[in-house]
Amino acid sequence: MSSLPLLFKKEGLVEKHQVEGVDPSDRYFNRAVLVNRTPSGYAAKTMYEALTVEGHSHSTIGAAVQELIGAMQGFGFKQLRTRANFKGTKYLAEKETWVDYQDLA
């Protein structure tokens, strides 16, 4: 096992975010978003009940999370917001600012 922090791994989990919002059946939910380093950048993934939503690789973590939110909105999720909870293995103690996403029209 490598002693390098997760942020320095070539590939694998680098951050965990939290997503909150309202699901397609109008129930409030929150789930973890896993952000992984890929050979060409970062990709985000979350699971909600039987649905797995996974994005493509992007050059920034923000772009990866943004694409994931867009995909969730396409499935009917709304009032979504995210924040980072872990960077590598460091817990951020819920100090990060929430990022709110505008619902699709």
N, C-alpha and C. Protein backbone atom coordinates (compact mmCIF):
# COMPACT_ATOMS: atom_id res chain seq x y z
N MET A 1 0.84 -1.19 0.00
CA MET A 1 0.00 0.00 0.00
C MET A 1 0.88 1.25 0.00
N SER A 2 0.55 2.19 -0.82
CA SER A 2 1.33 3.41 -0.93
C SER A 2 1.09 4.33 0.26
N SER A 3 2.11 5.04 0.68
CA SER A 3 1.96 5.99 1.77
C SER A 3 1.62 7.38 1.25
N LEU A 4 1.52 7.55 -0.08
CA LEU A 4 1.16 8.84 -0.64
C LEU A 4 -0.30 9.17 -0.35
N PRO A 5 -0.61 10.44 -0.06
CA PRO A 5 -2.01 10.82 0.12
C PRO A 5 -2.82 10.55 -1.15
N LEU A 6 -4.11 10.39 -0.99
CA LEU A 6 -4.97 10.10 -2.13
C LEU A 6 -4.89 11.16 -3.22
N LEU A 7 -4.65 12.41 -2.85
CA LEU A 7 -4.61 13.47 -3.85
C LEU A 7 -3.46 13.30 -4.84
N PHE A 8 -2.43 12.53 -4.46
CA PHE A 8 -1.29 12.35 -5.34
C PHE A 8 -1.34 11.05 -6.12
N LYS A 9 -2.37 10.26 -5.94
CA LYS A 9 -2.51 9.02 -6.70
C LYS A 9 -2.72 9.35 -8.17
N LYS A 10 -2.19 8.51 -9.03
CA LYS A 10 -2.39 8.73 -10.47
C LYS A 10 -3.84 8.55 -10.85
N GLU A 11 -4.50 7.53 -10.28
CA GLU A 11 -5.92 7.31 -10.54
C GLU A 11 -6.59 6.88 -9.25
N GLY A 12 -7.88 7.11 -9.13
CA GLY A 12 -8.63 6.69 -7.95
C GLY A 12 -9.33 7.86 -7.27
N LEU A 13 -9.96 7.57 -6.16
CA LEU A 13 -10.77 8.55 -5.42
C LEU A 13 -9.91 9.68 -4.87
N VAL A 14 -10.29 10.93 -5.19
CA VAL A 14 -9.55 12.08 -4.69
C VAL A 14 -10.40 13.00 -3.82
N GLU A 15 -11.71 13.02 -4.04
CA GLU A 15 -12.61 13.85 -3.23
C GLU A 15 -13.96 13.16 -3.09
N LYS A 16 -14.65 13.50 -1.99
CA LYS A 16 -16.04 13.11 -1.81
C LYS A 16 -16.83 14.39 -1.60
N HIS A 17 -17.91 14.51 -2.35
CA HIS A 17 -18.81 15.65 -2.21
C HIS A 17 -20.15 15.12 -1.71
N GLN A 18 -20.99 16.02 -1.29
CA GLN A 18 -22.35 15.68 -0.88
C GLN A 18 -23.29 16.40 -1.84
N VAL A 19 -24.32 15.69 -2.30
CA VAL A 19 -25.35 16.31 -3.13
C VAL A 19 -26.66 16.18 -2.37
N GLU A 20 -27.41 17.28 -2.35
CA GLU A 20 -28.74 17.29 -1.74
C GLU A 20 -29.72 17.85 -2.74
N GLY A 21 -30.98 17.49 -2.57
CA GLY A 21 -32.02 18.03 -3.44
C GLY A 21 -33.31 17.26 -3.30
N VAL A 22 -34.11 17.35 -4.35
CA VAL A 22 -35.42 16.70 -4.38
C VAL A 22 -35.41 15.73 -5.55
N ASP A 23 -35.82 14.48 -5.27
CA ASP A 23 -35.80 13.45 -6.31
C ASP A 23 -37.03 13.57 -7.21
N PRO A 24 -37.10 12.78 -8.29
CA PRO A 24 -38.23 12.90 -9.22
C PRO A 24 -39.60 12.64 -8.60
N SER A 25 -39.66 11.95 -7.45
CA SER A 25 -40.96 11.74 -6.80
C SER A 25 -41.18 12.71 -5.63
N ASP A 26 -40.48 13.85 -5.68
CA ASP A 26 -40.62 14.96 -4.72
C ASP A 26 -40.23 14.61 -3.29
N ARG A 27 -39.25 13.73 -3.13
CA ARG A 27 -38.70 13.41 -1.81
C ARG A 27 -37.32 14.06 -1.67
N TYR A 28 -37.06 14.61 -0.49
CA TYR A 28 -35.74 15.17 -0.22
C TYR A 28 -34.73 14.03 -0.11
N PHE A 29 -33.49 14.25 -0.58
CA PHE A 29 -32.46 13.22 -0.47
C PHE A 29 -31.10 13.88 -0.31
N ASN A 30 -30.13 13.11 0.15
CA ASN A 30 -28.72 13.50 0.08
C ASN A 30 -27.91 12.24 -0.12
N ARG A 31 -26.85 12.37 -0.91
CA ARG A 31 -26.00 11.24 -1.26
C ARG A 31 -24.56 11.72 -1.40
N ALA A 32 -23.65 10.77 -1.37
CA ALA A 32 -22.24 11.06 -1.62
C ALA A 32 -21.98 11.09 -3.12
N VAL A 33 -21.11 11.99 -3.52
CA VAL A 33 -20.60 12.05 -4.89
C VAL A 33 -19.11 11.71 -4.80
N LEU A 34 -18.70 10.68 -5.51
CA LEU A 34 -17.30 10.27 -5.51
C LEU A 34 -16.62 10.87 -6.73
N VAL A 35 -15.53 11.58 -6.50
CA VAL A 35 -14.77 12.18 -7.59
C VAL A 35 -13.46 11.42 -7.72
N ASN A 36 -13.27 10.78 -8.87
CA ASN A 36 -12.09 9.97 -9.12
C ASN A 36 -11.18 10.63 -10.14
N ARG A 37 -9.87 10.46 -9.92
CA ARG A 37 -8.91 10.88 -10.93
C ARG A 37 -8.87 9.80 -12.00
N THR A 38 -8.90 10.22 -13.24
CA THR A 38 -8.85 9.32 -14.39
C THR A 38 -7.58 9.64 -15.18
N PRO A 39 -7.25 8.84 -16.17
CA PRO A 39 -6.06 9.15 -16.98
C PRO A 39 -6.10 10.53 -17.64
N SER A 40 -7.31 11.05 -17.89
CA SER A 40 -7.42 12.34 -18.57
C SER A 40 -8.06 13.44 -17.73
N GLY A 41 -8.19 13.26 -16.41
CA GLY A 41 -8.76 14.31 -15.57
C GLY A 41 -9.51 13.76 -14.38
N TYR A 42 -10.78 14.17 -14.25
CA TYR A 42 -11.61 13.80 -13.12
C TYR A 42 -13.01 13.40 -13.60
N ALA A 43 -13.62 12.43 -12.92
CA ALA A 43 -14.99 12.00 -13.23
C ALA A 43 -15.75 11.83 -11.92
N ALA A 44 -17.01 12.21 -11.92
CA ALA A 44 -17.85 12.13 -10.73
C ALA A 44 -18.91 11.04 -10.91
N LYS A 45 -19.31 10.45 -9.77
CA LYS A 45 -20.28 9.36 -9.79
C LYS A 45 -21.10 9.41 -8.50
N THR A 46 -22.39 9.12 -8.61
CA THR A 46 -23.24 8.97 -7.44
C THR A 46 -24.27 7.87 -7.71
N MET A 47 -24.84 7.36 -6.64
CA MET A 47 -25.88 6.34 -6.75
C MET A 47 -27.09 6.78 -5.95
N TYR A 48 -28.26 6.58 -6.53
CA TYR A 48 -29.51 6.88 -5.83
C TYR A 48 -30.47 5.73 -6.10
N GLU A 49 -30.78 4.99 -5.05
CA GLU A 49 -31.58 3.78 -5.16
C GLU A 49 -30.99 2.90 -6.25
N ALA A 50 -31.72 2.54 -7.29
CA ALA A 50 -31.19 1.65 -8.33
C ALA A 50 -30.49 2.42 -9.45
N LEU A 51 -30.44 3.75 -9.37
CA LEU A 51 -29.88 4.59 -10.42
C LEU A 51 -28.41 4.94 -10.10
N THR A 52 -27.54 4.67 -11.03
CA THR A 52 -26.15 5.11 -10.93
C THR A 52 -25.93 6.17 -12.00
N VAL A 53 -25.44 7.34 -11.58
CA VAL A 53 -25.17 8.44 -12.50
C VAL A 53 -23.67 8.66 -12.49
N GLU A 54 -23.06 8.58 -13.67
CA GLU A 54 -21.61 8.71 -13.77
C GLU A 54 -21.28 9.59 -14.96
N GLY A 55 -20.38 10.54 -14.73
CA GLY A 55 -20.00 11.46 -15.79
C GLY A 55 -18.75 11.02 -16.51
N HIS A 56 -18.40 11.80 -17.52
CA HIS A 56 -17.18 11.59 -18.30
C HIS A 56 -16.02 12.30 -17.62
N SER A 57 -14.84 12.12 -18.15
CA SER A 57 -13.65 12.76 -17.60
C SER A 57 -13.60 14.23 -18.01
N HIS A 58 -13.21 15.08 -17.05
CA HIS A 58 -13.07 16.52 -17.27
C HIS A 58 -11.75 16.99 -16.70
N SER A 59 -11.30 18.15 -17.12
CA SER A 59 -10.01 18.67 -16.67
C SER A 59 -10.03 19.19 -15.24
N THR A 60 -11.22 19.52 -14.72
CA THR A 60 -11.33 20.01 -13.34
C THR A 60 -12.39 19.23 -12.57
N ILE A 61 -12.25 19.25 -11.26
CA ILE A 61 -13.24 18.60 -10.40
C ILE A 61 -14.59 19.31 -10.52
N GLY A 62 -14.56 20.64 -10.56
CA GLY A 62 -15.81 21.40 -10.69
C GLY A 62 -16.59 21.05 -11.94
N ALA A 63 -15.89 20.88 -13.05
CA ALA A 63 -16.56 20.52 -14.31
C ALA A 63 -17.14 19.11 -14.22
N ALA A 64 -16.44 18.21 -13.55
CA ALA A 64 -16.94 16.84 -13.40
C ALA A 64 -18.22 16.82 -12.57
N VAL A 65 -18.24 17.58 -11.48
CA VAL A 65 -19.44 17.64 -10.62
C VAL A 65 -20.57 18.32 -11.37
N GLN A 66 -20.27 19.39 -12.10
CA GLN A 66 -21.29 20.11 -12.87
C GLN A 66 -21.97 19.18 -13.89
N GLU A 67 -21.18 18.36 -14.59
CA GLU A 67 -21.77 17.43 -15.56
C GLU A 67 -22.67 16.42 -14.85
N LEU A 68 -22.25 15.94 -13.70
CA LEU A 68 -23.05 14.98 -12.94
C LEU A 68 -24.40 15.60 -12.55
N ILE A 69 -24.37 16.84 -12.10
CA ILE A 69 -25.61 17.55 -11.73
C ILE A 69 -26.52 17.68 -12.94
N GLY A 70 -25.96 18.03 -14.09
CA GLY A 70 -26.76 18.13 -15.31
C GLY A 70 -27.42 16.81 -15.67
N ALA A 71 -26.70 15.72 -15.50
CA ALA A 71 -27.26 14.40 -15.78
C ALA A 71 -28.39 14.08 -14.80
N MET A 72 -28.20 14.42 -13.53
CA MET A 72 -29.25 14.18 -12.54
C MET A 72 -30.49 15.00 -12.86
N GLN A 73 -30.30 16.24 -13.26
CA GLN A 73 -31.43 17.08 -13.63
C GLN A 73 -32.17 16.49 -14.82
N GLY A 74 -31.45 15.87 -15.72
CA GLY A 74 -32.08 15.20 -16.86
C GLY A 74 -32.98 14.05 -16.44
N PHE A 75 -32.69 13.45 -15.28
CA PHE A 75 -33.53 12.38 -14.74
C PHE A 75 -34.69 12.92 -13.91
N GLY A 76 -34.75 14.25 -13.72
CA GLY A 76 -35.86 14.85 -12.99
C GLY A 76 -35.53 15.31 -11.57
N PHE A 77 -34.27 15.26 -11.17
CA PHE A 77 -33.89 15.77 -9.86
C PHE A 77 -33.88 17.30 -9.92
N LYS A 78 -34.21 17.96 -8.81
CA LYS A 78 -34.26 19.42 -8.79
C LYS A 78 -33.78 19.96 -7.44
N GLN A 79 -33.65 21.27 -7.37
CA GLN A 79 -33.18 21.98 -6.17
C GLN A 79 -31.87 21.37 -5.66
N LEU A 80 -30.95 21.09 -6.59
CA LEU A 80 -29.71 20.42 -6.25
C LEU A 80 -28.65 21.40 -5.75
N ARG A 81 -27.87 20.92 -4.81
CA ARG A 81 -26.71 21.67 -4.33
C ARG A 81 -25.65 20.67 -3.89
N THR A 82 -24.38 21.10 -3.97
CA THR A 82 -23.28 20.22 -3.60
C THR A 82 -22.26 20.98 -2.76
N ARG A 83 -21.44 20.21 -2.05
CA ARG A 83 -20.27 20.76 -1.38
C ARG A 83 -19.27 19.64 -1.16
N ALA A 84 -18.01 19.99 -1.09
CA ALA A 84 -16.96 19.01 -0.83
C ALA A 84 -16.96 18.66 0.66
N ASN A 85 -16.88 17.38 0.97
CA ASN A 85 -16.80 16.93 2.37
C ASN A 85 -15.44 16.32 2.70
N PHE A 86 -14.77 15.72 1.71
CA PHE A 86 -13.44 15.13 1.91
C PHE A 86 -12.55 15.51 0.75
N LYS A 87 -11.33 15.90 1.04
CA LYS A 87 -10.28 16.06 0.03
C LYS A 87 -9.22 15.06 0.41
N GLY A 88 -9.08 14.03 -0.41
CA GLY A 88 -8.24 12.91 -0.02
C GLY A 88 -8.88 12.24 1.19
N THR A 89 -8.13 12.10 2.26
CA THR A 89 -8.69 11.52 3.49
C THR A 89 -9.03 12.60 4.51
N LYS A 90 -8.80 13.87 4.16
CA LYS A 90 -9.05 14.96 5.11
C LYS A 90 -10.53 15.34 5.11
N TYR A 91 -11.16 15.21 6.28
CA TYR A 91 -12.56 15.60 6.45
C TYR A 91 -12.62 17.11 6.60
N LEU A 92 -13.48 17.76 5.85
CA LEU A 92 -13.56 19.22 5.84
C LEU A 92 -14.54 19.77 6.87
N ALA A 93 -15.10 18.89 7.69
CA ALA A 93 -15.97 19.29 8.80
C ALA A 93 -17.12 20.19 8.36
N GLU A 94 -17.64 19.93 7.19
CA GLU A 94 -18.80 20.66 6.66
C GLU A 94 -18.57 22.17 6.62
N LYS A 95 -17.31 22.58 6.41
CA LYS A 95 -16.97 24.00 6.36
C LYS A 95 -17.02 24.58 4.95
N GLU A 96 -17.08 23.71 3.96
CA GLU A 96 -17.12 24.19 2.58
C GLU A 96 -18.47 24.83 2.27
N THR A 97 -18.46 25.77 1.37
CA THR A 97 -19.68 26.47 0.96
C THR A 97 -20.48 25.60 0.00
N TRP A 98 -21.80 25.64 0.15
CA TRP A 98 -22.68 24.93 -0.78
C TRP A 98 -22.66 25.62 -2.13
N VAL A 99 -22.74 24.83 -3.19
CA VAL A 99 -22.90 25.33 -4.55
C VAL A 99 -24.30 24.95 -4.99
N ASP A 100 -25.13 25.95 -5.27
CA ASP A 100 -26.51 25.72 -5.71
C ASP A 100 -26.57 25.70 -7.22
N TYR A 101 -27.41 24.83 -7.77
CA TYR A 101 -27.56 24.70 -9.22
C TYR A 101 -28.98 25.08 -9.61
N GLN A 102 -29.09 25.88 -10.64
CA GLN A 102 -30.39 26.32 -11.14
C GLN A 102 -31.12 25.13 -11.77
N ASP A 103 -32.39 24.98 -11.45
CA ASP A 103 -33.19 23.92 -12.04
C ASP A 103 -33.36 24.16 -13.54
N LEU A 104 -33.55 23.06 -14.27
CA LEU A 104 -33.83 23.18 -15.70
C LEU A 104 -35.19 23.80 -15.89
N ALA A 105 -35.33 24.57 -16.93
CA ALA A 105 -36.61 25.26 -17.19
C ALA A 105 -37.68 24.31 -17.66
